Amino acid sequence: MFEKRVTRFGNGAKIDCPLQFLDKKVYVIVRKSR
């Protein structure tokens, strides 16, 4: 799990999310695929 700020553009991989969450801090949990 890591904490990042949701931004519109950047160098890293992005996560699709609603516009209401832009510029908010979020927690990302990475799971193993089954």
PDB file of N, CA and C in Angstrom:
ATOM      1  N   MET A   1       0.854  -1.166   0.000  1.00  0.00           N
ATOM      2  CA  MET A   1       0.000   0.000   0.000  1.00  0.00           C
ATOM      3  C   MET A   1       0.900   1.228   0.000  1.00  0.00           C
ATOM      4  N   PHE A   2       0.526   2.233  -0.765  1.00  0.00           N
ATOM      5  CA  PHE A   2       1.278   3.475  -0.772  1.00  0.00           C
ATOM      6  C   PHE A   2       0.329   4.646  -0.945  1.00  0.00           C
ATOM      7  N   GLU A   3       0.815   5.829  -0.618  1.00  0.00           N
ATOM      8  CA  GLU A   3      -0.015   7.036  -0.671  1.00  0.00           C
ATOM      9  C   GLU A   3       0.507   7.946  -1.769  1.00  0.00           C
ATOM     10  N   LYS A   4      -0.384   8.422  -2.636  1.00  0.00           N
ATOM     11  CA  LYS A   4      -0.008   9.333  -3.716  1.00  0.00           C
ATOM     12  C   LYS A   4      -1.095  10.369  -3.903  1.00  0.00           C
ATOM     13  N   ARG A   5      -0.768  11.444  -4.606  1.00  0.00           N
ATOM     14  CA  ARG A   5      -1.745  12.465  -4.952  1.00  0.00           C
ATOM     15  C   ARG A   5      -2.244  12.175  -6.365  1.00  0.00           C
ATOM     16  N   VAL A   6      -3.549  12.238  -6.567  1.00  0.00           N
ATOM     17  CA  VAL A   6      -4.134  11.999  -7.882  1.00  0.00           C
ATOM     18  C   VAL A   6      -3.940  13.256  -8.724  1.00  0.00           C
ATOM     19  N   THR A   7      -3.313  13.099  -9.896  1.00  0.00           N
ATOM     20  CA  THR A   7      -3.097  14.239 -10.787  1.00  0.00           C
ATOM     21  C   THR A   7      -3.604  13.903 -12.178  1.00  0.00           C
ATOM     22  N   ARG A   8      -3.839  14.937 -12.954  1.00  0.00           N
ATOM     23  CA  ARG A   8      -4.371  14.755 -14.296  1.00  0.00           C
ATOM     24  C   ARG A   8      -3.304  14.200 -15.247  1.00  0.00           C
ATOM     25  N   PHE A   9      -2.069  14.677 -15.142  1.00  0.00           N
ATOM     26  CA  PHE A   9      -0.993  14.267 -16.043  1.00  0.00           C
ATOM     27  C   PHE A   9       0.238  13.904 -15.226  1.00  0.00           C
ATOM     28  N   GLY A  10       1.151  13.142 -15.839  1.00  0.00           N
ATOM     29  CA  GLY A  10       2.392  12.798 -15.150  1.00  0.00           C
ATOM     30  C   GLY A  10       3.145  11.701 -15.868  1.00  0.00           C
ATOM     31  N   ASN A  11       4.237  11.272 -15.265  1.00  0.00           N
ATOM     32  CA  ASN A  11       5.104  10.271 -15.886  1.00  0.00           C
ATOM     33  C   ASN A  11       4.718   8.849 -15.513  1.00  0.00           C
ATOM     34  N   GLY A  12       4.125   8.660 -14.341  1.00  0.00           N
ATOM     35  CA  GLY A  12       3.856   7.310 -13.852  1.00  0.00           C
ATOM     36  C   GLY A  12       2.526   6.772 -14.338  1.00  0.00           C
ATOM     37  N   ALA A  13       2.279   5.529 -14.014  1.00  0.00           N
ATOM     38  CA  ALA A  13       1.000   4.899 -14.351  1.00  0.00           C
ATOM     39  C   ALA A  13      -0.114   5.602 -13.593  1.00  0.00           C
ATOM     40  N   LYS A  14      -1.252   5.726 -14.217  1.00  0.00           N
ATOM     41  CA  LYS A  14      -2.375   6.441 -13.616  1.00  0.00           C
ATOM     42  C   LYS A  14      -3.519   5.493 -13.330  1.00  0.00           C
ATOM     43  N   ILE A  15      -4.352   5.890 -12.415  1.00  0.00           N
ATOM     44  CA  ILE A  15      -5.522   5.118 -12.034  1.00  0.00           C
ATOM     45  C   ILE A  15      -6.756   5.901 -12.450  1.00  0.00           C
ATOM     46  N   ASP A  16      -7.680   5.240 -13.151  1.00  0.00           N
ATOM     47  CA  ASP A  16      -8.925   5.906 -13.525  1.00  0.00           C
ATOM     48  C   ASP A  16      -9.727   6.206 -12.274  1.00  0.00           C
ATOM     49  N   CYS A  17     -10.186   7.450 -12.156  1.00  0.00           N
ATOM     50  CA  CYS A  17     -11.011   7.827 -11.010  1.00  0.00           C
ATOM     51  C   CYS A  17     -11.880   9.011 -11.416  1.00  0.00           C
ATOM     52  N   PRO A  18     -12.970   9.246 -10.704  1.00  0.00           N
ATOM     53  CA  PRO A  18     -13.836  10.379 -11.014  1.00  0.00           C
ATOM     54  C   PRO A  18     -13.099  11.712 -10.832  1.00  0.00           C
ATOM     55  N   LEU A  19     -13.531  12.731 -11.571  1.00  0.00           N
ATOM     56  CA  LEU A  19     -12.892  14.043 -11.502  1.00  0.00           C
ATOM     57  C   LEU A  19     -12.925  14.630 -10.097  1.00  0.00           C
ATOM     58  N   GLN A  20     -13.899  14.255  -9.299  1.00  0.00           N
ATOM     59  CA  GLN A  20     -14.014  14.816  -7.948  1.00  0.00           C
ATOM     60  C   GLN A  20     -12.819  14.459  -7.071  1.00  0.00           C
ATOM     61  N   PHE A  21     -12.030  13.452  -7.475  1.00  0.00           N
ATOM     62  CA  PHE A  21     -10.884  13.034  -6.679  1.00  0.00           C
ATOM     63  C   PHE A  21      -9.565  13.616  -7.178  1.00  0.00           C
ATOM     64  N   LEU A  22      -9.584  14.442  -8.231  1.00  0.00           N
ATOM     65  CA  LEU A  22      -8.350  15.054  -8.715  1.00  0.00           C
ATOM     66  C   LEU A  22      -7.754  15.925  -7.624  1.00  0.00           C
ATOM     67  N   ASP A  23      -6.447  15.885  -7.492  1.00  0.00           N
ATOM     68  CA  ASP A  23      -5.674  16.664  -6.525  1.00  0.00           C
ATOM     69  C   ASP A  23      -5.951  16.252  -5.077  1.00  0.00           C
ATOM     70  N   LYS A  24      -6.478  15.055  -4.873  1.00  0.00           N
ATOM     71  CA  LYS A  24      -6.688  14.515  -3.526  1.00  0.00           C
ATOM     72  C   LYS A  24      -5.615  13.469  -3.256  1.00  0.00           C
ATOM     73  N   LYS A  25      -5.308  13.246  -1.992  1.00  0.00           N
ATOM     74  CA  LYS A  25      -4.396  12.158  -1.631  1.00  0.00           C
ATOM     75  C   LYS A  25      -5.203  10.882  -1.517  1.00  0.00           C
ATOM     76  N   VAL A  26      -4.657   9.807  -2.060  1.00  0.00           N
ATOM     77  CA  VAL A  26      -5.353   8.518  -2.043  1.00  0.00           C
ATOM     78  C   VAL A  26      -4.386   7.430  -1.585  1.00  0.00           C
ATOM     79  N   TYR A  27      -4.942   6.327  -1.119  1.00  0.00           N
ATOM     80  CA  TYR A  27      -4.173   5.141  -0.780  1.00  0.00           C
ATOM     81  C   TYR A  27      -4.413   4.109  -1.864  1.00  0.00           C
ATOM     82  N   VAL A  28      -3.338   3.514  -2.348  1.00  0.00           N
ATOM     83  CA  VAL A  28      -3.423   2.519  -3.408  1.00  0.00           C
ATOM     84  C   VAL A  28      -3.001   1.173  -2.829  1.00  0.00           C
ATOM     85  N   ILE A  29      -3.847   0.176  -3.010  1.00  0.00           N
ATOM     86  CA  ILE A  29      -3.542  -1.179  -2.555  1.00  0.00           C
ATOM     87  C   ILE A  29      -3.331  -2.040  -3.791  1.00  0.00           C
ATOM     88  N   VAL A  30      -2.179  -2.688  -3.880  1.00  0.00           N
ATOM     89  CA  VAL A  30      -1.845  -3.535  -5.024  1.00  0.00           C
ATOM     90  C   VAL A  30      -2.059  -4.985  -4.609  1.00  0.00           C
ATOM     91  N   ARG A  31      -2.903  -5.694  -5.365  1.00  0.00           N
ATOM     92  CA  ARG A  31      -3.207  -7.098  -5.067  1.00  0.00           C
ATOM     93  C   ARG A  31      -2.580  -8.005  -6.101  1.00  0.00           C
ATOM     94  N   LYS A  32      -2.306  -9.223  -5.705  1.00  0.00           N
ATOM     95  CA  LYS A  32      -1.877 -10.232  -6.671  1.00  0.00           C
ATOM     96  C   LYS A  32      -3.094 -10.661  -7.465  1.00  0.00           C
ATOM     97  N   SER A  33      -2.899 -10.898  -8.762  1.00  0.00           N
ATOM     98  CA  SER A  33      -4.027 -11.394  -9.556  1.00  0.00           C
ATOM     99  C   SER A  33      -4.207 -12.880  -9.274  1.00  0.00           C
ATOM    100  N   ARG A  34      -5.419 -13.333  -9.418  1.00  0.00           N
ATOM    101  CA  ARG A  34      -5.714 -14.729  -9.092  1.00  0.00           C
ATOM    102  C   ARG A  34      -5.406 -15.658 -10.216  1.00  0.00           C
TER     103      ARG A  34
END
